[in-house]
Amino acid sequence: MKDFFKRVYTVIEMRTGFATGLPVLSAGLFGAYLKGDLNIPLLVLMFISGFSFNIVANVANEIRGYLKNEETDETMTGHKGSEGLSRGDAKLIDAIIALLIFFILGGASGLLIVFITKDLLILLIGILSALAAICYSLGPKPYIVYPVGELVSGIFVGGVSSLVSAYIQLGELNLGVILYAVIGVFMTIFLMAANNTSDYNKDKVHRVTLPHVIGFENSIKIILPEGILMFFSLVSLTVLGYINIALFLIGTFCMYYFGYVKWYKDYKKIKAPYKEMAKEWGPRPLLLIYSFNLLMSLGFVIFLIGGLI
């Protein structure tokens, strides 16, 4: 059993699983901050569901890469949390079992949320999200092979999960929830874009991604206007009174330091893809996602507690 978990770890891409789980946590706490009350069971269940379905998408991608022989010694990053099937660290049956476990875990958590809230709209969204996680890489028309993968992932992984998480805490959708979800959309797009840009040459054989359509250099440059739109959402949240100045400064610091200083400032200078690109630059958008959502979550908790005292 111990060896099984070791093998499974090599195909689930845990670090990108948290790239979904943390925005769900952050958005849920944002909804609680707006309402002035926190429903902890719903927050935990939503975190588990969002995290689990992201792992499902990750494992589905690993299975596809293995079956299509997409990875070679030249393209693998060497990250121990992924590419396990291609390296031979895990077997196909391990990946299938992992996919089923996380699918059941995510589905069960989602059904519990529906049972507690009695909201059938959440059930419908959950079903669509589950299908999106599977169809991301598997099925007759996996959207990972088309230049819409970044957008679809951004909408479902960053946007829909954040909307639902905030909605079940607040009890309604408002402009503030939508604006906060937009930030999650762009951060997820950043993550997908960095991966697709790094895999520019490798993907040419198996799929057509957005960088292939707009060109390698443009796939890097496009991050800047996307980042501006993301920051505009944060500004709008502040101007409209959904967050205070302290939370605005926290978000701005994360976007500037982890988005620009630690990532885009040097990233924009790259003129052509190279072998180590994914390993060197893939974690950068993760740092942005982690820092923003963790620090904003902490801020929401502090001001929520302060408002209750």
C-alpha atoms as a PDB file:
ATOM      1  CA  MET A   1       0.000   0.000   0.000  1.00  0.00           C
ATOM      2  CA  LYS A   2       2.866   2.380   0.803  1.00  0.00           C
ATOM      3  CA  ASP A   3       4.392   1.749  -2.622  1.00  0.00           C
ATOM      4  CA  PHE A   4       0.990   2.350  -4.217  1.00  0.00           C
ATOM      5  CA  PHE A   5       0.755   5.843  -2.715  1.00  0.00           C
ATOM      6  CA  LYS A   6       4.309   6.579  -3.818  1.00  0.00           C
ATOM      7  CA  ARG A   7       3.440   5.579  -7.362  1.00  0.00           C
ATOM      8  CA  VAL A   8       0.176   7.551  -7.338  1.00  0.00           C
ATOM      9  CA  TYR A   9       1.990  10.679  -6.156  1.00  0.00           C
ATOM     10  CA  THR A  10       4.002  10.670  -9.384  1.00  0.00           C
ATOM     11  CA  VAL A  11       0.894  11.162 -11.541  1.00  0.00           C
ATOM     12  CA  ILE A  12      -1.443  13.476  -9.574  1.00  0.00           C
ATOM     13  CA  GLU A  13       0.522  16.751  -9.878  1.00  0.00           C
ATOM     14  CA  MET A  14      -0.281  17.805  -6.323  1.00  0.00           C
ATOM     15  CA  ARG A  15       1.064  21.338  -6.632  1.00  0.00           C
ATOM     16  CA  THR A  16      -1.412  22.276  -9.381  1.00  0.00           C
ATOM     17  CA  GLY A  17      -4.180  20.623  -7.366  1.00  0.00           C
ATOM     18  CA  PHE A  18      -3.636  23.322  -4.759  1.00  0.00           C
ATOM     19  CA  ALA A  19      -3.751  25.880  -7.573  1.00  0.00           C
ATOM     20  CA  THR A  20      -7.493  25.150  -7.621  1.00  0.00           C
ATOM     21  CA  GLY A  21      -8.009  24.386  -3.957  1.00  0.00           C
ATOM     22  CA  LEU A  22      -6.540  27.675  -2.730  1.00  0.00           C
ATOM     23  CA  PRO A  23      -8.686  29.939  -4.976  1.00  0.00           C
ATOM     24  CA  VAL A  24     -11.721  28.008  -3.743  1.00  0.00           C
ATOM     25  CA  LEU A  25     -10.613  28.628  -0.151  1.00  0.00           C
ATOM     26  CA  SER A  26      -9.911  32.291  -0.831  1.00  0.00           C
ATOM     27  CA  ALA A  27     -13.208  32.906  -2.653  1.00  0.00           C
ATOM     28  CA  GLY A  28     -15.182  31.108   0.047  1.00  0.00           C
ATOM     29  CA  LEU A  29     -13.602  33.275   2.720  1.00  0.00           C
ATOM     30  CA  PHE A  30     -14.313  36.330   0.565  1.00  0.00           C
ATOM     31  CA  GLY A  31     -17.995  35.376   0.517  1.00  0.00           C
ATOM     32  CA  ALA A  32     -17.915  34.869   4.281  1.00  0.00           C
ATOM     33  CA  TYR A  33     -16.165  38.242   4.703  1.00  0.00           C
ATOM     34  CA  LEU A  34     -18.927  39.955   2.714  1.00  0.00           C
ATOM     35  CA  LYS A  35     -21.647  38.220   4.733  1.00  0.00           C
ATOM     36  CA  GLY A  36     -19.931  38.572   8.091  1.00  0.00           C
ATOM     37  CA  ASP A  37     -20.327  34.884   8.861  1.00  0.00           C
ATOM     38  CA  LEU A  38     -18.422  31.712   7.955  1.00  0.00           C
ATOM     39  CA  ASN A  39     -19.888  28.267   7.280  1.00  0.00           C
ATOM     40  CA  ILE A  40     -16.841  26.078   7.931  1.00  0.00           C
ATOM     41  CA  PRO A  41     -18.323  22.708   6.770  1.00  0.00           C
ATOM     42  CA  LEU A  42     -19.293  24.195   3.389  1.00  0.00           C
ATOM     43  CA  LEU A  43     -15.878  25.807   3.034  1.00  0.00           C
ATOM     44  CA  VAL A  44     -14.077  22.530   3.741  1.00  0.00           C
ATOM     45  CA  LEU A  45     -16.329  20.512   1.423  1.00  0.00           C
ATOM     46  CA  MET A  46     -15.901  23.020  -1.391  1.00  0.00           C
ATOM     47  CA  PHE A  47     -12.116  22.994  -0.956  1.00  0.00           C
ATOM     48  CA  ILE A  48     -12.056  19.187  -1.125  1.00  0.00           C
ATOM     49  CA  SER A  49     -14.307  19.128  -4.184  1.00  0.00           C
ATOM     50  CA  GLY A  50     -12.346  21.766  -6.107  1.00  0.00           C
ATOM     51  CA  PHE A  51      -9.016  20.221  -5.224  1.00  0.00           C
ATOM     52  CA  SER A  52     -10.182  16.702  -6.125  1.00  0.00           C
ATOM     53  CA  PHE A  53     -11.557  17.583  -9.554  1.00  0.00           C
ATOM     54  CA  ASN A  54      -8.345  19.411 -10.415  1.00  0.00           C
ATOM     55  CA  ILE A  55      -6.442  16.226  -9.532  1.00  0.00           C
ATOM     56  CA  VAL A  56      -8.850  14.310 -11.783  1.00  0.00           C
ATOM     57  CA  ALA A  57      -7.952  16.644 -14.663  1.00  0.00           C
ATOM     58  CA  ASN A  58      -4.242  16.273 -13.864  1.00  0.00           C
ATOM     59  CA  VAL A  59      -4.386  12.473 -13.854  1.00  0.00           C
ATOM     60  CA  ALA A  60      -6.469  12.442 -17.043  1.00  0.00           C
ATOM     61  CA  ASN A  61      -3.736  14.536 -18.663  1.00  0.00           C
ATOM     62  CA  GLU A  62      -1.072  12.097 -17.432  1.00  0.00           C
ATOM     63  CA  ILE A  63      -3.018   9.163 -18.881  1.00  0.00           C
ATOM     64  CA  ARG A  64      -3.421  10.891 -22.225  1.00  0.00           C
ATOM     65  CA  GLY A  65       0.281  11.804 -22.371  1.00  0.00           C
ATOM     66  CA  TYR A  66       1.202   8.196 -21.652  1.00  0.00           C
ATOM     67  CA  LEU A  67      -1.212   6.636 -24.156  1.00  0.00           C
ATOM     68  CA  LYS A  68      -0.220   9.086 -26.897  1.00  0.00           C
ATOM     69  CA  ASN A  69       3.517   8.793 -26.142  1.00  0.00           C
ATOM     70  CA  GLU A  70       3.774  12.560 -25.783  1.00  0.00           C
ATOM     71  CA  GLU A  71       6.672  12.583 -23.319  1.00  0.00           C
ATOM     72  CA  THR A  72      10.313  11.804 -24.144  1.00  0.00           C
ATOM     73  CA  ASP A  73      13.606  12.217 -22.320  1.00  0.00           C
ATOM     74  CA  GLU A  74      13.925  15.579 -24.041  1.00  0.00           C
ATOM     75  CA  THR A  75      10.558  16.932 -22.891  1.00  0.00           C
ATOM     76  CA  MET A  76      10.184  15.658 -19.322  1.00  0.00           C
ATOM     77  CA  THR A  77      10.830  18.221 -16.569  1.00  0.00           C
ATOM     78  CA  GLY A  78      11.876  15.643 -13.967  1.00  0.00           C
ATOM     79  CA  HIS A  79       9.266  16.841 -11.477  1.00  0.00           C
ATOM     80  CA  LYS A  80       8.499  13.900  -9.159  1.00  0.00           C
ATOM     81  CA  GLY A  81       4.852  14.880  -8.799  1.00  0.00           C
ATOM     82  CA  SER A  82       4.082  14.339 -12.469  1.00  0.00           C
ATOM     83  CA  GLU A  83       5.166  12.381 -15.570  1.00  0.00           C
ATOM     84  CA  GLY A  84       5.270   9.202 -13.467  1.00  0.00           C
ATOM     85  CA  LEU A  85       3.585   7.102 -16.130  1.00  0.00           C
ATOM     86  CA  SER A  86       6.000   8.216 -18.843  1.00  0.00           C
ATOM     87  CA  ARG A  87       9.022   7.606 -16.599  1.00  0.00           C
ATOM     88  CA  GLY A  88       7.714   4.217 -15.524  1.00  0.00           C
ATOM     89  CA  ASP A  89       7.354   5.220 -11.853  1.00  0.00           C
ATOM     90  CA  ALA A  90       3.664   4.308 -11.952  1.00  0.00           C
ATOM     91  CA  LYS A  91       1.482   1.878 -13.875  1.00  0.00           C
ATOM     92  CA  LEU A  92      -1.595   2.739 -15.904  1.00  0.00           C
ATOM     93  CA  ILE A  93      -3.801   0.950 -13.359  1.00  0.00           C
ATOM     94  CA  ASP A  94      -2.356   3.186 -10.619  1.00  0.00           C
ATOM     95  CA  ALA A  95      -3.403   6.293 -12.536  1.00  0.00           C
ATOM     96  CA  ILE A  96      -6.888   4.910 -13.249  1.00  0.00           C
ATOM     97  CA  ILE A  97      -7.422   4.058  -9.578  1.00  0.00           C
ATOM     98  CA  ALA A  98      -6.199   7.516  -8.531  1.00  0.00           C
ATOM     99  CA  LEU A  99      -8.545   9.172 -11.017  1.00  0.00           C
ATOM    100  CA  LEU A 100     -11.514   7.175  -9.678  1.00  0.00           C
ATOM    101  CA  ILE A 101     -10.634   7.880  -6.034  1.00  0.00           C
ATOM    102  CA  PHE A 102     -10.436  11.634  -6.530  1.00  0.00           C
ATOM    103  CA  PHE A 103     -13.502  11.650  -8.781  1.00  0.00           C
ATOM    104  CA  ILE A 104     -15.523   9.928  -6.061  1.00  0.00           C
ATOM    105  CA  LEU A 105     -14.072  12.192  -3.359  1.00  0.00           C
ATOM    106  CA  GLY A 106     -14.845  15.336  -5.345  1.00  0.00           C
ATOM    107  CA  GLY A 107     -18.302  14.101  -6.305  1.00  0.00           C
ATOM    108  CA  ALA A 108     -19.215  13.036  -2.759  1.00  0.00           C
ATOM    109  CA  SER A 109     -18.106  16.414  -1.366  1.00  0.00           C
ATOM    110  CA  GLY A 110     -20.139  18.202  -4.015  1.00  0.00           C
ATOM    111  CA  LEU A 111     -23.236  16.118  -3.285  1.00  0.00           C
ATOM    112  CA  LEU A 112     -22.916  16.908   0.413  1.00  0.00           C
ATOM    113  CA  ILE A 113     -22.853  20.603  -0.458  1.00  0.00           C
ATOM    114  CA  VAL A 114     -26.049  20.166  -2.486  1.00  0.00           C
ATOM    115  CA  PHE A 115     -27.644  18.209   0.386  1.00  0.00           C
ATOM    116  CA  ILE A 116     -26.797  20.965   2.869  1.00  0.00           C
ATOM    117  CA  THR A 117     -27.755  23.932   0.672  1.00  0.00           C
ATOM    118  CA  LYS A 118     -30.683  22.267  -1.139  1.00  0.00           C
ATOM    119  CA  ASP A 119     -29.514  24.175  -4.231  1.00  0.00           C
ATOM    120  CA  LEU A 120     -29.957  22.209  -7.473  1.00  0.00           C
ATOM    121  CA  LEU A 121     -28.063  24.858  -9.448  1.00  0.00           C
ATOM    122  CA  ILE A 122     -24.907  23.815  -7.593  1.00  0.00           C
ATOM    123  CA  LEU A 123     -25.626  20.209  -8.587  1.00  0.00           C
ATOM    124  CA  LEU A 124     -25.869  21.189 -12.259  1.00  0.00           C
ATOM    125  CA  ILE A 125     -22.649  23.216 -12.088  1.00  0.00           C
ATOM    126  CA  GLY A 126     -20.938  20.330 -10.302  1.00  0.00           C
ATOM    127  CA  ILE A 127     -21.916  17.853 -13.008  1.00  0.00           C
ATOM    128  CA  LEU A 128     -20.638  20.187 -15.740  1.00  0.00           C
ATOM    129  CA  SER A 129     -17.378  20.728 -13.821  1.00  0.00           C
ATOM    130  CA  ALA A 130     -16.869  16.994 -13.381  1.00  0.00           C
ATOM    131  CA  LEU A 131     -17.385  16.431 -17.103  1.00  0.00           C
ATOM    132  CA  ALA A 132     -14.992  19.275 -17.885  1.00  0.00           C
ATOM    133  CA  ALA A 133     -12.319  17.707 -15.665  1.00  0.00           C
ATOM    134  CA  ILE A 134     -12.557  14.393 -17.528  1.00  0.00           C
ATOM    135  CA  CYS A 135     -12.994  15.842 -21.016  1.00  0.00           C
ATOM    136  CA  TYR A 136     -10.003  18.129 -20.506  1.00  0.00           C
ATOM    137  CA  SER A 137      -7.704  15.349 -21.742  1.00  0.00           C
ATOM    138  CA  LEU A 138      -9.797  12.223 -22.339  1.00  0.00           C
ATOM    139  CA  GLY A 139     -12.739  11.459 -24.582  1.00  0.00           C
ATOM    140  CA  PRO A 140     -13.309  11.823 -28.338  1.00  0.00           C
ATOM    141  CA  LYS A 141     -12.756  15.617 -28.396  1.00  0.00           C
ATOM    142  CA  PRO A 142     -10.420  16.584 -25.516  1.00  0.00           C
ATOM    143  CA  TYR A 143     -10.172  20.370 -25.479  1.00  0.00           C
ATOM    144  CA  ILE A 144      -6.529  20.245 -24.410  1.00  0.00           C
ATOM    145  CA  VAL A 145      -5.612  19.617 -28.070  1.00  0.00           C
ATOM    146  CA  TYR A 146      -7.286  22.863 -29.225  1.00  0.00           C
ATOM    147  CA  PRO A 147      -6.286  26.517 -28.687  1.00  0.00           C
ATOM    148  CA  VAL A 148      -9.198  27.030 -26.260  1.00  0.00           C
ATOM    149  CA  GLY A 149      -7.700  24.939 -23.457  1.00  0.00           C
ATOM    150  CA  GLU A 150      -6.369  27.925 -21.516  1.00  0.00           C
ATOM    151  CA  LEU A 151      -9.696  29.763 -21.624  1.00  0.00           C
ATOM    152  CA  VAL A 152     -11.845  26.736 -20.742  1.00  0.00           C
ATOM    153  CA  SER A 153      -9.546  25.841 -17.849  1.00  0.00           C
ATOM    154  CA  GLY A 154      -9.591  29.437 -16.661  1.00  0.00           C
ATOM    155  CA  ILE A 155     -13.382  29.550 -16.695  1.00  0.00           C
ATOM    156  CA  PHE A 156     -13.961  26.231 -14.923  1.00  0.00           C
ATOM    157  CA  VAL A 157     -10.905  25.866 -12.696  1.00  0.00           C
ATOM    158  CA  GLY A 158     -10.410  29.487 -11.689  1.00  0.00           C
ATOM    159  CA  GLY A 159     -13.788  31.086 -12.312  1.00  0.00           C
ATOM    160  CA  VAL A 160     -16.662  28.666 -11.722  1.00  0.00           C
ATOM    161  CA  SER A 161     -15.096  27.081  -8.632  1.00  0.00           C
ATOM    162  CA  SER A 162     -14.492  30.534  -7.110  1.00  0.00           C
ATOM    163  CA  LEU A 163     -18.013  31.705  -7.953  1.00  0.00           C
ATOM    164  CA  VAL A 164     -19.619  28.657  -6.357  1.00  0.00           C
ATOM    165  CA  SER A 165     -17.394  28.813  -3.282  1.00  0.00           C
ATOM    166  CA  ALA A 166     -18.254  32.467  -2.632  1.00  0.00           C
ATOM    167  CA  TYR A 167     -21.910  31.915  -3.523  1.00  0.00           C
ATOM    168  CA  ILE A 168     -22.498  29.128  -0.998  1.00  0.00           C
ATOM    169  CA  GLN A 169     -21.061  31.329   1.753  1.00  0.00           C
ATOM    170  CA  LEU A 170     -22.782  34.585   0.792  1.00  0.00           C
ATOM    171  CA  GLY A 171     -26.061  33.062  -0.413  1.00  0.00           C
ATOM    172  CA  GLU A 172     -26.153  35.167  -3.560  1.00  0.00           C
ATOM    173  CA  LEU A 173     -24.143  36.289  -6.555  1.00  0.00           C
ATOM    174  CA  ASN A 174     -23.148  39.929  -6.801  1.00  0.00           C
ATOM    175  CA  LEU A 175     -20.685  42.006  -8.795  1.00  0.00           C
ATOM    176  CA  GLY A 176     -18.023  41.627  -6.111  1.00  0.00           C
ATOM    177  CA  VAL A 177     -18.125  37.825  -6.315  1.00  0.00           C
ATOM    178  CA  ILE A 178     -17.877  37.996 -10.114  1.00  0.00           C
ATOM    179  CA  LEU A 179     -14.915  40.395 -10.010  1.00  0.00           C
ATOM    180  CA  TYR A 180     -13.108  38.195  -7.501  1.00  0.00           C
ATOM    181  CA  ALA A 181     -13.731  35.143  -9.696  1.00  0.00           C
ATOM    182  CA  VAL A 182     -12.269  37.015 -12.681  1.00  0.00           C
ATOM    183  CA  ILE A 183      -8.958  37.193 -10.815  1.00  0.00           C
ATOM    184  CA  GLY A 184      -9.094  33.412 -10.412  1.00  0.00           C
ATOM    185  CA  VAL A 185      -9.806  33.014 -14.121  1.00  0.00           C
ATOM    186  CA  PHE A 186      -6.715  34.956 -15.155  1.00  0.00           C
ATOM    187  CA  MET A 187      -4.444  33.278 -12.632  1.00  0.00           C
ATOM    188  CA  THR A 188      -5.465  29.875 -13.983  1.00  0.00           C
ATOM    189  CA  ILE A 189      -4.933  31.104 -17.536  1.00  0.00           C
ATOM    190  CA  PHE A 190      -1.431  32.222 -16.494  1.00  0.00           C
ATOM    191  CA  LEU A 191      -0.693  28.719 -15.235  1.00  0.00           C
ATOM    192  CA  MET A 192      -1.957  27.047 -18.401  1.00  0.00           C
ATOM    193  CA  ALA A 193      -0.270  29.621 -20.638  1.00  0.00           C
ATOM    194  CA  ALA A 194       3.119  29.146 -18.982  1.00  0.00           C
ATOM    195  CA  ASN A 195       2.807  25.394 -19.476  1.00  0.00           C
ATOM    196  CA  ASN A 196       1.697  25.635 -23.109  1.00  0.00           C
ATOM    197  CA  THR A 197       4.330  28.224 -23.966  1.00  0.00           C
ATOM    198  CA  SER A 198       7.066  26.096 -22.393  1.00  0.00           C
ATOM    199  CA  ASP A 199       5.820  23.044 -24.336  1.00  0.00           C
ATOM    200  CA  TYR A 200       5.663  24.966 -27.625  1.00  0.00           C
ATOM    201  CA  ASN A 201       7.865  22.561 -29.578  1.00  0.00           C
ATOM    202  CA  LYS A 202       6.678  19.356 -27.919  1.00  0.00           C
ATOM    203  CA  ASP A 203       2.990  20.157 -28.421  1.00  0.00           C
ATOM    204  CA  LYS A 204       3.403  20.770 -32.146  1.00  0.00           C
ATOM    205  CA  VAL A 205       3.357  17.022 -32.709  1.00  0.00           C
ATOM    206  CA  HIS A 206       0.183  16.259 -30.753  1.00  0.00           C
ATOM    207  CA  ARG A 207      -1.966  19.373 -30.349  1.00  0.00           C
ATOM    208  CA  VAL A 208      -2.585  22.972 -31.398  1.00  0.00           C
ATOM    209  CA  THR A 209      -2.426  25.331 -28.434  1.00  0.00           C
ATOM    210  CA  LEU A 210      -2.876  29.097 -28.291  1.00  0.00           C
ATOM    211  CA  PRO A 211       0.888  29.793 -28.557  1.00  0.00           C
ATOM    212  CA  HIS A 212       0.898  27.953 -31.892  1.00  0.00           C
ATOM    213  CA  VAL A 213      -1.877  30.223 -33.162  1.00  0.00           C
ATOM    214  CA  ILE A 214      -0.531  33.588 -31.981  1.00  0.00           C
ATOM    215  CA  GLY A 215       3.184  32.748 -31.978  1.00  0.00           C
ATOM    216  CA  PHE A 216       5.680  32.015 -29.203  1.00  0.00           C
ATOM    217  CA  GLU A 217       6.657  35.605 -28.402  1.00  0.00           C
ATOM    218  CA  ASN A 218       3.047  36.811 -28.462  1.00  0.00           C
ATOM    219  CA  SER A 219       2.090  34.017 -26.043  1.00  0.00           C
ATOM    220  CA  ILE A 220       4.463  35.655 -23.565  1.00  0.00           C
ATOM    221  CA  LYS A 221       3.471  39.247 -24.322  1.00  0.00           C
ATOM    222  CA  ILE A 222      -0.255  38.547 -23.943  1.00  0.00           C
ATOM    223  CA  ILE A 223       0.244  37.930 -20.229  1.00  0.00           C
ATOM    224  CA  LEU A 224       0.771  41.675 -19.669  1.00  0.00           C
ATOM    225  CA  PRO A 225      -2.685  42.885 -20.805  1.00  0.00           C
ATOM    226  CA  GLU A 226      -4.252  39.910 -19.018  1.00  0.00           C
ATOM    227  CA  GLY A 227      -2.425  40.935 -15.852  1.00  0.00           C
ATOM    228  CA  ILE A 228      -3.684  44.507 -16.236  1.00  0.00           C
ATOM    229  CA  LEU A 229      -7.263  43.247 -16.489  1.00  0.00           C
ATOM    230  CA  MET A 230      -6.711  41.129 -13.385  1.00  0.00           C
ATOM    231  CA  PHE A 231      -5.400  44.146 -11.475  1.00  0.00           C
ATOM    232  CA  PHE A 232      -8.344  46.209 -12.746  1.00  0.00           C
ATOM    233  CA  SER A 233     -10.668  43.672 -11.107  1.00  0.00           C
ATOM    234  CA  LEU A 234      -8.832  44.157  -7.803  1.00  0.00           C
ATOM    235  CA  VAL A 235      -9.084  47.944  -8.145  1.00  0.00           C
ATOM    236  CA  SER A 236     -12.790  47.675  -8.927  1.00  0.00           C
ATOM    237  CA  LEU A 237     -13.367  45.538  -5.843  1.00  0.00           C
ATOM    238  CA  THR A 238     -11.795  48.306  -3.769  1.00  0.00           C
ATOM    239  CA  VAL A 239     -13.497  51.270  -5.442  1.00  0.00           C
ATOM    240  CA  LEU A 240     -16.901  49.599  -5.184  1.00  0.00           C
ATOM    241  CA  GLY A 241     -16.349  48.889  -1.490  1.00  0.00           C
ATOM    242  CA  TYR A 242     -16.210  45.100  -1.571  1.00  0.00           C
ATOM    243  CA  ILE A 243     -12.717  45.006  -0.001  1.00  0.00           C
ATOM    244  CA  ASN A 244     -10.863  47.528   2.156  1.00  0.00           C
ATOM    245  CA  ILE A 245      -7.542  49.259   1.483  1.00  0.00           C
ATOM    246  CA  ALA A 246      -5.539  46.739   3.521  1.00  0.00           C
ATOM    247  CA  LEU A 247      -6.821  43.830   1.401  1.00  0.00           C
ATOM    248  CA  PHE A 248      -6.186  45.842  -1.748  1.00  0.00           C
ATOM    249  CA  LEU A 249      -2.568  46.397  -0.698  1.00  0.00           C
ATOM    250  CA  ILE A 250      -2.134  42.678   0.042  1.00  0.00           C
ATOM    251  CA  GLY A 251      -3.449  41.744  -3.383  1.00  0.00           C
ATOM    252  CA  THR A 252      -1.404  44.426  -5.123  1.00  0.00           C
ATOM    253  CA  PHE A 253       1.791  43.300  -3.397  1.00  0.00           C
ATOM    254  CA  CYS A 254       1.247  39.683  -4.521  1.00  0.00           C
ATOM    255  CA  MET A 255       0.485  40.678  -8.098  1.00  0.00           C
ATOM    256  CA  TYR A 256       3.484  43.006  -8.327  1.00  0.00           C
ATOM    257  CA  TYR A 257       6.091  40.941  -6.506  1.00  0.00           C
ATOM    258  CA  PHE A 258       5.136  37.383  -7.491  1.00  0.00           C
ATOM    259  CA  GLY A 259       3.535  38.300 -10.801  1.00  0.00           C
ATOM    260  CA  TYR A 260       5.981  40.883 -12.122  1.00  0.00           C
ATOM    261  CA  VAL A 261       9.241  40.898 -10.150  1.00  0.00           C
ATOM    262  CA  LYS A 262       9.564  37.121  -9.683  1.00  0.00           C
ATOM    263  CA  TRP A 263       8.071  36.183 -13.030  1.00  0.00           C
ATOM    264  CA  TYR A 264       7.169  38.506 -15.906  1.00  0.00           C
ATOM    265  CA  LYS A 265      10.103  40.938 -15.594  1.00  0.00           C
ATOM    266  CA  ASP A 266      12.525  38.300 -16.895  1.00  0.00           C
ATOM    267  CA  TYR A 267       9.999  36.009 -18.581  1.00  0.00           C
ATOM    268  CA  LYS A 268       9.207  38.646 -21.217  1.00  0.00           C
ATOM    269  CA  LYS A 269      12.835  38.577 -22.391  1.00  0.00           C
ATOM    270  CA  ILE A 270      12.624  34.953 -23.633  1.00  0.00           C
ATOM    271  CA  LYS A 271      12.717  34.830 -27.429  1.00  0.00           C
ATOM    272  CA  ALA A 272      12.492  31.093 -28.110  1.00  0.00           C
ATOM    273  CA  PRO A 273      11.520  27.905 -26.238  1.00  0.00           C
ATOM    274  CA  TYR A 274      14.289  25.794 -24.706  1.00  0.00           C
ATOM    275  CA  LYS A 275      14.547  22.435 -22.943  1.00  0.00           C
ATOM    276  CA  GLU A 276      14.609  23.656 -19.312  1.00  0.00           C
ATOM    277  CA  MET A 277      11.931  26.292 -19.783  1.00  0.00           C
ATOM    278  CA  ALA A 278       9.076  24.357 -18.169  1.00  0.00           C
ATOM    279  CA  LYS A 279      11.191  23.473 -15.150  1.00  0.00           C
ATOM    280  CA  GLU A 280      12.444  27.035 -14.673  1.00  0.00           C
ATOM    281  CA  TRP A 281       9.253  28.976 -15.369  1.00  0.00           C
ATOM    282  CA  GLY A 282       6.388  26.572 -14.692  1.00  0.00           C
ATOM    283  CA  PRO A 283       6.405  27.190 -10.910  1.00  0.00           C
ATOM    284  CA  ARG A 284       6.264  31.004 -11.262  1.00  0.00           C
ATOM    285  CA  PRO A 285       2.483  31.330 -11.803  1.00  0.00           C
ATOM    286  CA  LEU A 286       2.017  28.821  -8.966  1.00  0.00           C
ATOM    287  CA  LEU A 287       3.881  31.205  -6.641  1.00  0.00           C
ATOM    288  CA  LEU A 288       1.501  33.972  -7.683  1.00  0.00           C
ATOM    289  CA  ILE A 289      -1.577  31.800  -7.121  1.00  0.00           C
ATOM    290  CA  TYR A 290      -0.348  30.487  -3.768  1.00  0.00           C
ATOM    291  CA  SER A 291       0.741  33.848  -2.380  1.00  0.00           C
ATOM    292  CA  PHE A 292      -2.332  35.784  -3.480  1.00  0.00           C
ATOM    293  CA  ASN A 293      -4.899  33.286  -2.249  1.00  0.00           C
ATOM    294  CA  LEU A 294      -3.147  32.411   1.012  1.00  0.00           C
ATOM    295  CA  LEU A 295      -2.514  36.027   2.012  1.00  0.00           C
ATOM    296  CA  MET A 296      -5.972  37.189   0.929  1.00  0.00           C
ATOM    297  CA  SER A 297      -7.502  34.265   2.839  1.00  0.00           C
ATOM    298  CA  LEU A 298      -5.593  35.308   5.942  1.00  0.00           C
ATOM    299  CA  GLY A 299      -6.778  38.878   5.481  1.00  0.00           C
ATOM    300  CA  PHE A 300     -10.413  37.836   5.107  1.00  0.00           C
ATOM    301  CA  VAL A 301     -10.190  35.717   8.260  1.00  0.00           C
ATOM    302  CA  ILE A 302      -8.629  38.570  10.276  1.00  0.00           C
ATOM    303  CA  PHE A 303     -11.252  41.111   9.211  1.00  0.00           C
ATOM    304  CA  LEU A 304     -14.052  38.579   9.571  1.00  0.00           C
ATOM    305  CA  ILE A 305     -13.029  37.811  13.145  1.00  0.00           C
ATOM    306  CA  GLY A 306     -12.548  41.520  13.808  1.00  0.00           C
ATOM    307  CA  GLY A 307     -16.082  42.200  12.610  1.00  0.00           C
ATOM    308  CA  LEU A 308     -17.518  39.499  14.865  1.00  0.00           C
ATOM    309  CA  ILE A 309     -15.797  40.726  18.034  1.00  0.00           C
END
